[in-house]
């Protein structure tokens, strides 16, 4: 385990002089209208089985998003709930695609790793609720990496779990990996505004794509062919989400015909079919002009940026040093910014890749969640 220190912040300060500021949180007060209300629930399908769950349901609930609905799964520990109820871990999944059939409760594609995490947390007496996010398995587009919407989706999933199971506590934490790591961080700085009636305790994030907004300004026809896994795929998904959220930007005007073709296909094409198409396209082939000096970088910051202040609850991050999806320097940059802002962060740097880093750190993650929730 490694804690970000003042020394680390001092070393990083020189590199950050020109990079002041960060994404702003735009959360609105929670508990408005029918957010978090459950509209349907069913026993989970067999492929979503998790050992140690006394109850395992999938459900549909009301939340922010194009059609105002999301789906999710809730797992209840075995035994008698403690005084005050079962503490809740709100899980945020990584990138699975943007098509409805990619939703975790429909596909189960991400389940082998997540199942082992969930089983550990259940053994520790923690209830687990896992949103699919709006637009994955529900009508309307999936707002990929839209910080405001995913934060609402996560908070409202906790409300839904508490409606389904009165044995649930007010105490909750958020945990996520990759796309879900970003969602967890976005939720953290909004949690107490969105849900002042709940007792938010802290955050775990693994392989979180932070500072992506800073890199968007570098994109354009001359963008180098970097050796990162899935960079075109993720930029295409971001463009698709931003185009839906900000039609005034005319995102298509920044794209080549090939770029528009991929962005058009992103939302409705299952990941297994879309990923090979995206990976065959260099980033430079997506854009018709440089993005620097245009309104797009600032719009991306407003859309997905994560602030570097406001983390007043315990925060643990895991970043694999061999990660080829989210470059480690981005996480270190973010960690240094947090330290410079006076925020406290526990940073774990396993010598592993994007997913293996989480797997290797799983026992420490369980200990962290156990400590802040009990």
Protein backbone atom coordinates (compact mmCIF):
# COMPACT_ATOMS: atom_id res chain seq x y z
CA UNK A 1 0.00 0.00 0.00
CA UNK A 2 1.29 3.44 -0.82
CA UNK A 3 -0.10 6.73 0.44
CA UNK A 4 0.37 9.86 -1.65
CA UNK A 5 2.61 12.16 0.35
CA UNK A 6 3.71 15.76 0.37
CA UNK A 7 7.03 14.67 -1.13
CA UNK A 8 5.27 13.06 -4.09
CA UNK A 9 3.21 16.18 -4.53
CA UNK A 10 6.32 18.33 -4.50
CA UNK A 11 8.03 16.21 -7.13
CA UNK A 12 4.95 16.34 -9.33
CA UNK A 13 4.31 20.05 -8.90
CA UNK A 14 6.63 21.16 -11.69
CA UNK A 15 4.81 18.96 -14.18
CA UNK A 16 1.46 20.33 -13.10
CA UNK A 17 2.11 24.07 -13.24
CA UNK A 18 0.54 24.39 -16.66
CA UNK A 19 -2.30 22.02 -15.85
CA UNK A 20 -4.24 23.80 -13.13
CA UNK A 21 -7.93 23.14 -12.59
CA UNK A 22 -10.06 20.13 -13.30
CA UNK A 23 -13.49 19.00 -14.27
CA UNK A 24 -16.26 20.69 -12.36
CA UNK A 25 -18.98 18.81 -10.55
CA UNK A 26 -22.47 19.93 -11.51
CA UNK A 27 -24.59 17.79 -9.20
CA UNK A 28 -28.08 18.91 -8.36
CA UNK A 29 -29.71 18.06 -5.02
CA UNK A 30 -30.87 14.47 -4.87
CA UNK A 31 -34.12 12.87 -3.75
CA UNK A 32 -36.04 14.81 -6.39
CA UNK A 33 -39.20 13.34 -7.89
CA UNK A 34 -39.17 9.58 -8.29
CA UNK A 35 -35.41 9.01 -8.65
CA UNK A 36 -34.50 5.62 -7.22
CA UNK A 37 -38.04 4.24 -7.36
CA UNK A 38 -38.13 0.58 -8.40
CA UNK A 39 -40.48 -0.14 -11.31
CA UNK A 40 -39.75 -3.88 -11.67
CA UNK A 41 -37.70 -6.61 -10.01
CA UNK A 42 -37.04 -10.29 -10.64
CA UNK A 43 -34.88 -13.14 -9.42
CA UNK A 44 -31.51 -12.87 -11.17
CA UNK A 45 -30.73 -15.22 -14.04
CA UNK A 46 -28.54 -18.24 -13.32
CA UNK A 47 -25.48 -16.71 -15.01
CA UNK A 48 -25.60 -13.93 -12.39
CA UNK A 49 -25.35 -16.39 -9.50
CA UNK A 50 -23.12 -15.30 -6.61
CA UNK A 51 -22.23 -17.54 -3.68
CA UNK A 52 -23.16 -16.16 -0.30
CA UNK A 53 -26.15 -14.10 -1.41
CA UNK A 54 -29.37 -14.76 0.47
CA UNK A 55 -31.21 -12.66 -2.12
CA UNK A 56 -30.10 -11.93 -5.69
CA UNK A 57 -32.40 -9.69 -7.73
CA UNK A 58 -32.24 -7.73 -10.95
CA UNK A 59 -34.36 -4.62 -11.07
CA UNK A 60 -35.36 -1.58 -13.11
CA UNK A 61 -35.41 1.81 -11.44
CA UNK A 62 -35.91 5.47 -12.21
CA UNK A 63 -32.87 7.69 -12.58
CA UNK A 64 -31.21 10.32 -14.77
CA UNK A 65 -30.64 9.52 -18.43
CA UNK A 66 -32.26 9.73 -21.83
CA UNK A 67 -35.33 7.67 -20.88
CA UNK A 68 -35.14 8.01 -17.10
CA UNK A 69 -34.53 4.32 -16.43
CA UNK A 70 -31.68 1.99 -15.58
CA UNK A 71 -31.33 -1.63 -14.59
CA UNK A 72 -29.15 -3.23 -11.96
CA UNK A 73 -28.54 -6.12 -9.60
CA UNK A 74 -28.65 -6.29 -5.82
CA UNK A 75 -27.07 -8.95 -3.58
CA UNK A 76 -27.90 -9.38 0.11
CA UNK A 77 -25.56 -11.16 2.56
CA UNK A 78 -26.63 -14.30 4.36
CA UNK A 79 -27.61 -14.11 7.99
CA UNK A 80 -29.32 -11.53 10.15
CA UNK A 81 -28.73 -7.88 9.33
CA UNK A 82 -26.73 -6.03 11.99
CA UNK A 83 -28.15 -3.13 13.95
CA UNK A 84 -28.54 -0.28 11.49
CA UNK A 85 -28.78 -2.64 8.52
CA UNK A 86 -26.41 -4.05 5.91
CA UNK A 87 -23.89 -1.43 4.70
CA UNK A 88 -23.99 -1.03 0.91
CA UNK A 89 -21.25 -1.13 -1.71
CA UNK A 90 -22.45 0.49 -4.93
CA UNK A 91 -20.47 -1.18 -7.72
CA UNK A 92 -19.73 0.60 -11.01
CA UNK A 93 -18.67 -1.68 -13.86
CA UNK A 94 -16.03 -1.14 -16.52
CA UNK A 95 -16.55 -0.64 -20.24
CA UNK A 96 -18.75 -3.38 -21.68
CA UNK A 97 -19.97 -1.56 -24.80
CA UNK A 98 -22.85 0.78 -25.57
CA UNK A 99 -25.46 -1.63 -26.91
CA UNK A 100 -28.35 -2.82 -24.74
CA UNK A 101 -27.22 -6.44 -24.94
CA UNK A 102 -23.86 -5.42 -23.44
CA UNK A 103 -25.46 -4.54 -20.08
CA UNK A 104 -23.93 -6.73 -17.35
CA UNK A 105 -27.31 -8.02 -16.17
CA UNK A 106 -28.02 -9.17 -19.74
CA UNK A 107 -24.64 -10.49 -20.87
CA UNK A 108 -22.76 -11.50 -17.74
CA UNK A 109 -19.59 -10.94 -19.78
CA UNK A 110 -17.73 -9.17 -16.97
CA UNK A 111 -18.85 -11.53 -14.26
CA UNK A 112 -15.89 -13.85 -13.52
CA UNK A 113 -13.80 -11.14 -11.82
CA UNK A 114 -16.72 -9.22 -10.39
CA UNK A 115 -18.25 -12.37 -8.91
CA UNK A 116 -15.17 -13.03 -6.79
CA UNK A 117 -15.24 -9.44 -5.52
CA UNK A 118 -18.93 -9.63 -4.71
CA UNK A 119 -18.51 -12.93 -2.87
CA UNK A 120 -15.75 -11.44 -0.71
CA UNK A 121 -17.84 -8.39 0.11
CA UNK A 122 -20.88 -10.50 0.96
CA UNK A 123 -18.75 -12.58 3.36
CA UNK A 124 -17.83 -9.32 5.05
CA UNK A 125 -21.49 -8.47 5.60
CA UNK A 126 -21.75 -5.91 2.81
CA UNK A 127 -24.77 -5.61 0.53
CA UNK A 128 -23.84 -5.06 -3.13
CA UNK A 129 -25.83 -3.07 -5.68
CA UNK A 130 -24.53 -2.85 -9.24
CA UNK A 131 -26.07 -0.50 -11.78
CA UNK A 132 -25.92 -1.18 -15.52
CA UNK A 133 -26.01 2.63 -16.12
CA UNK A 134 -28.76 4.40 -18.05
CA UNK A 135 -29.06 3.38 -21.68
CA UNK A 136 -27.49 -0.05 -21.20
CA UNK A 137 -30.43 -2.43 -21.27
CA UNK A 138 -32.94 0.43 -21.15
CA UNK A 139 -34.25 2.73 -23.92
CA UNK A 140 -32.16 5.65 -25.08
CA UNK A 141 -28.44 6.12 -25.70
CA UNK A 142 -25.83 5.22 -23.10
CA UNK A 143 -24.10 8.45 -21.95
CA UNK A 144 -20.60 6.97 -21.83
CA UNK A 145 -18.45 8.66 -19.13
CA UNK A 146 -21.05 11.38 -18.56
CA UNK A 147 -20.04 12.26 -15.01
CA UNK A 148 -23.32 13.80 -13.89
CA UNK A 149 -25.56 11.06 -15.23
CA UNK A 150 -23.53 8.10 -13.97
CA UNK A 151 -23.30 9.68 -10.51
CA UNK A 152 -27.09 9.91 -10.43
CA UNK A 153 -27.38 6.33 -11.71
CA UNK A 154 -25.19 5.08 -8.86
CA UNK A 155 -26.84 7.09 -6.09
CA UNK A 156 -30.30 6.12 -7.32
CA UNK A 157 -29.30 2.44 -7.41
CA UNK A 158 -28.56 2.71 -3.67
CA UNK A 159 -32.00 4.23 -3.12
CA UNK A 160 -33.54 1.39 -5.14
CA UNK A 161 -31.70 -1.26 -3.12
CA UNK A 162 -32.97 0.29 0.10
CA UNK A 163 -36.53 0.27 -1.27
CA UNK A 164 -36.22 -3.41 -2.19
CA UNK A 165 -34.61 -4.39 1.11
CA UNK A 166 -35.49 -2.43 4.26
CA UNK A 167 -32.64 -4.33 5.94
CA UNK A 168 -30.20 -2.06 4.05
CA UNK A 169 -28.26 0.56 5.97
CA UNK A 170 -27.94 4.27 5.23
CA UNK A 171 -24.16 3.72 5.16
CA UNK A 172 -22.75 3.24 1.70
CA UNK A 173 -19.57 3.45 -0.37
CA UNK A 174 -18.90 3.39 -4.09
CA UNK A 175 -16.41 1.13 -5.88
CA UNK A 176 -15.63 0.81 -9.57
CA UNK A 177 -13.21 -0.38 -12.20
CA UNK A 178 -12.14 1.36 -15.46
CA UNK A 179 -15.22 3.22 -16.74
CA UNK A 180 -16.65 2.42 -13.33
CA UNK A 181 -13.58 3.85 -11.62
CA UNK A 182 -14.31 7.13 -13.35
CA UNK A 183 -17.97 6.80 -12.32
CA UNK A 184 -16.95 6.16 -8.72
CA UNK A 185 -14.78 9.28 -8.62
CA UNK A 186 -17.51 11.34 -10.26
CA UNK A 187 -19.99 10.06 -7.68
CA UNK A 188 -17.70 10.87 -4.77
CA UNK A 189 -17.72 14.62 -5.30
CA UNK A 190 -21.50 14.62 -5.80
CA UNK A 191 -22.63 12.02 -3.24
CA UNK A 192 -23.55 14.28 -0.36
CA UNK A 193 -25.39 16.72 -2.62
CA UNK A 194 -27.29 14.01 -4.47
CA UNK A 195 -28.11 12.02 -1.32
CA UNK A 196 -27.91 14.12 1.85
CA UNK A 197 -30.23 11.61 3.54
CA UNK A 198 -27.69 8.79 3.13
CA UNK A 199 -24.39 8.27 4.95
CA UNK A 200 -21.62 8.22 2.33
CA UNK A 201 -18.38 6.68 3.65
CA UNK A 202 -15.82 6.63 0.82
CA UNK A 203 -14.58 5.42 -2.55
CA UNK A 204 -12.52 2.76 -4.26
CA UNK A 205 -11.49 3.19 -7.92
CA UNK A 206 -9.34 0.92 -10.09
CA UNK A 207 -7.91 1.77 -13.50
CA UNK A 208 -9.91 4.99 -13.56
CA UNK A 209 -9.52 7.08 -16.73
CA UNK A 210 -8.72 10.47 -15.22
CA UNK A 211 -7.43 13.52 -17.07
CA UNK A 212 -8.79 12.24 -20.37
CA UNK A 213 -10.20 15.68 -20.98
CA UNK A 214 -6.68 17.11 -20.90
CA UNK A 215 -5.66 14.80 -23.75
CA UNK A 216 -8.57 15.59 -26.04
CA UNK A 217 -6.99 18.87 -27.05
CA UNK A 218 -4.11 16.88 -28.55
CA UNK A 219 -6.37 14.88 -30.86
CA UNK A 220 -6.54 15.56 -34.58
CA UNK A 221 -5.42 14.18 -37.94
CA UNK A 222 -1.75 14.16 -36.83
CA UNK A 223 -2.32 12.29 -33.58
CA UNK A 224 0.47 9.67 -33.27
CA UNK A 225 -0.26 5.97 -33.46
CA UNK A 226 0.14 5.32 -29.73
CA UNK A 227 0.47 1.76 -28.51
CA UNK A 228 -2.48 1.72 -26.14
CA UNK A 229 -5.24 -0.86 -26.10
CA UNK A 230 -8.58 0.42 -27.33
CA UNK A 231 -7.77 4.14 -27.55
CA UNK A 232 -9.85 4.59 -30.72
CA UNK A 233 -12.73 2.64 -29.20
CA UNK A 234 -12.86 4.83 -26.11
CA UNK A 235 -12.55 8.08 -28.03
CA UNK A 236 -15.36 6.94 -30.30
CA UNK A 237 -17.57 6.15 -27.31
CA UNK A 238 -16.79 9.54 -25.77
CA UNK A 239 -17.65 11.26 -29.05
CA UNK A 240 -20.93 9.35 -29.23
CA UNK A 241 -21.86 10.33 -25.68
CA UNK A 242 -20.85 13.95 -26.16
CA UNK A 243 -22.77 14.20 -29.43
CA UNK A 244 -25.92 13.06 -27.66
CA UNK A 245 -25.39 15.35 -24.67
CA UNK A 246 -24.33 18.46 -26.59
CA UNK A 247 -25.98 18.64 -30.03
CA UNK A 248 -25.06 22.33 -30.14
CA UNK A 249 -21.38 21.40 -30.58
CA UNK A 250 -21.93 19.71 -33.95
CA UNK A 251 -19.50 16.93 -33.06
CA UNK A 252 -19.85 15.51 -36.57
CA UNK A 253 -18.11 18.57 -37.99
CA UNK A 254 -14.89 17.47 -36.25
CA UNK A 255 -15.05 13.94 -37.66
CA UNK A 256 -13.92 12.35 -40.90
CA UNK A 257 -16.40 10.16 -42.79
CA UNK A 258 -14.75 7.16 -41.11
CA UNK A 259 -15.07 8.85 -37.73
CA UNK A 260 -18.77 9.56 -38.27
CA UNK A 261 -19.33 5.98 -39.38
CA UNK A 262 -17.81 4.64 -36.16
CA UNK A 263 -19.60 7.13 -33.90
CA UNK A 264 -22.91 6.32 -35.62
CA UNK A 265 -22.33 2.61 -35.00
CA UNK A 266 -21.06 2.91 -31.43
CA UNK A 267 -24.34 3.04 -29.52
CA UNK A 268 -26.17 0.13 -31.12
CA UNK A 269 -23.38 -2.30 -31.99
CA UNK A 270 -22.38 -4.94 -29.42
CA UNK A 271 -18.82 -4.55 -28.17
CA UNK A 272 -17.70 -7.88 -29.63
CA UNK A 273 -18.58 -6.63 -33.11
CA UNK A 274 -17.61 -2.99 -32.67
CA UNK A 275 -14.21 -3.39 -31.02
CA UNK A 276 -12.42 -4.94 -34.05
CA UNK A 277 -13.76 -2.18 -36.30
CA UNK A 278 -12.59 0.54 -33.95
CA UNK A 279 -9.19 -1.03 -33.29
CA UNK A 280 -8.42 -1.07 -37.02
CA UNK A 281 -8.74 2.73 -37.16
CA UNK A 282 -5.90 5.01 -35.99
CA UNK A 283 -7.00 7.94 -33.84
CA UNK A 284 -5.82 10.37 -36.52
CA UNK A 285 -8.31 8.89 -38.96
CA UNK A 286 -11.24 9.88 -36.72
CA UNK A 287 -10.77 13.64 -36.86
CA UNK A 288 -10.97 16.03 -39.78
CA UNK A 289 -9.15 18.87 -37.98
CA UNK A 290 -7.11 19.50 -34.82
CA UNK A 291 -9.24 19.91 -31.70
CA UNK A 292 -6.89 22.36 -29.99
CA UNK A 293 -8.35 25.84 -29.92
CA UNK A 294 -11.91 24.61 -30.56
CA UNK A 295 -14.80 24.44 -28.05
CA UNK A 296 -14.56 20.65 -27.90
CA UNK A 297 -11.86 20.18 -25.21
CA UNK A 298 -13.70 22.41 -22.72
CA UNK A 299 -16.96 20.63 -23.52
CA UNK A 300 -15.30 17.29 -22.83
CA UNK A 301 -14.06 18.61 -19.48
CA UNK A 302 -17.59 19.62 -18.55
CA UNK A 303 -18.90 16.25 -19.73
CA UNK A 304 -16.48 13.82 -18.08
CA UNK A 305 -13.93 15.79 -16.06
CA UNK A 306 -13.26 14.74 -12.46
CA UNK A 307 -12.38 17.52 -10.00
CA UNK A 308 -9.25 17.34 -7.88
CA UNK A 309 -10.94 18.73 -4.77
CA UNK A 310 -13.98 17.67 -2.77
CA UNK A 311 -12.71 14.21 -1.76
CA UNK A 312 -13.39 14.58 1.94
CA UNK A 313 -14.03 10.86 2.54
CA UNK A 314 -11.52 7.99 2.43
CA UNK A 315 -10.34 7.32 -1.13
CA UNK A 316 -8.37 4.33 -2.40
CA UNK A 317 -7.16 3.96 -5.97
CA UNK A 318 -5.46 1.05 -7.73
CA UNK A 319 -3.47 1.62 -10.91
CA UNK A 320 -1.57 -1.22 -12.57
CA UNK A 321 1.88 -0.11 -13.67
CA UNK A 322 1.60 -2.30 -16.79
CA UNK A 323 -1.84 -0.94 -17.75
CA UNK A 324 -2.11 -0.48 -21.53
CA UNK A 325 -5.69 0.83 -21.44
CA UNK A 326 -5.38 3.65 -18.91
CA UNK A 327 -1.76 4.88 -18.97
CA UNK A 328 -0.30 4.96 -15.44
CA UNK A 329 0.97 8.56 -15.87
CA UNK A 330 -2.65 9.74 -16.04
CA UNK A 331 -3.41 8.21 -12.64
CA UNK A 332 -0.17 9.53 -11.15
CA UNK A 333 -0.95 12.97 -12.55
CA UNK A 334 -4.39 12.87 -10.95
CA UNK A 335 -2.97 11.59 -7.65
CA UNK A 336 -0.41 14.39 -7.60
CA UNK A 337 -3.14 16.97 -8.23
CA UNK A 338 -5.13 15.56 -5.32
CA UNK A 339 -2.09 15.80 -3.08
CA UNK A 340 -1.40 19.38 -4.17
CA UNK A 341 -5.01 20.19 -3.29
CA UNK A 342 -4.54 18.73 0.19
CA UNK A 343 -6.71 15.68 -0.47
CA UNK A 344 -5.84 12.33 1.12
CA UNK A 345 -5.45 9.34 -1.17
CA UNK A 346 -4.33 5.77 -0.64
CA UNK A 347 -2.70 4.73 -3.92
CA UNK A 348 -1.83 1.12 -4.75
CA UNK A 349 0.46 0.46 -7.74
CA UNK A 350 0.60 -3.28 -8.48
CA UNK A 351 2.89 -4.44 -11.27
CA UNK A 352 -0.03 -5.58 -13.38
CA UNK A 353 -2.32 -4.66 -16.24
CA UNK A 354 -5.71 -2.99 -16.43
CA UNK A 355 -7.78 -5.83 -14.98
CA UNK A 356 -5.11 -7.85 -13.17
CA UNK A 357 -4.30 -4.87 -10.98
CA UNK A 358 -7.76 -5.08 -9.47
CA UNK A 359 -7.56 -8.85 -9.08
CA UNK A 360 -4.22 -8.64 -7.27
CA UNK A 361 -5.49 -5.93 -4.94
CA UNK A 362 -8.84 -7.55 -4.15
CA UNK A 363 -8.06 -8.52 -0.52
CA UNK A 364 -6.85 -4.98 0.28
CA UNK A 365 -9.91 -3.53 -1.41
CA UNK A 366 -12.15 -5.72 0.73
CA UNK A 367 -10.29 -4.62 3.87
CA UNK A 368 -10.67 -0.96 2.86
CA UNK A 369 -14.42 -1.24 2.28
CA UNK A 370 -14.86 -3.26 5.46
CA UNK A 371 -13.06 -0.60 7.48
CA UNK A 372 -14.96 2.42 6.18
CA UNK A 373 -18.40 0.78 6.28
CA UNK A 374 -18.31 -1.02 9.63
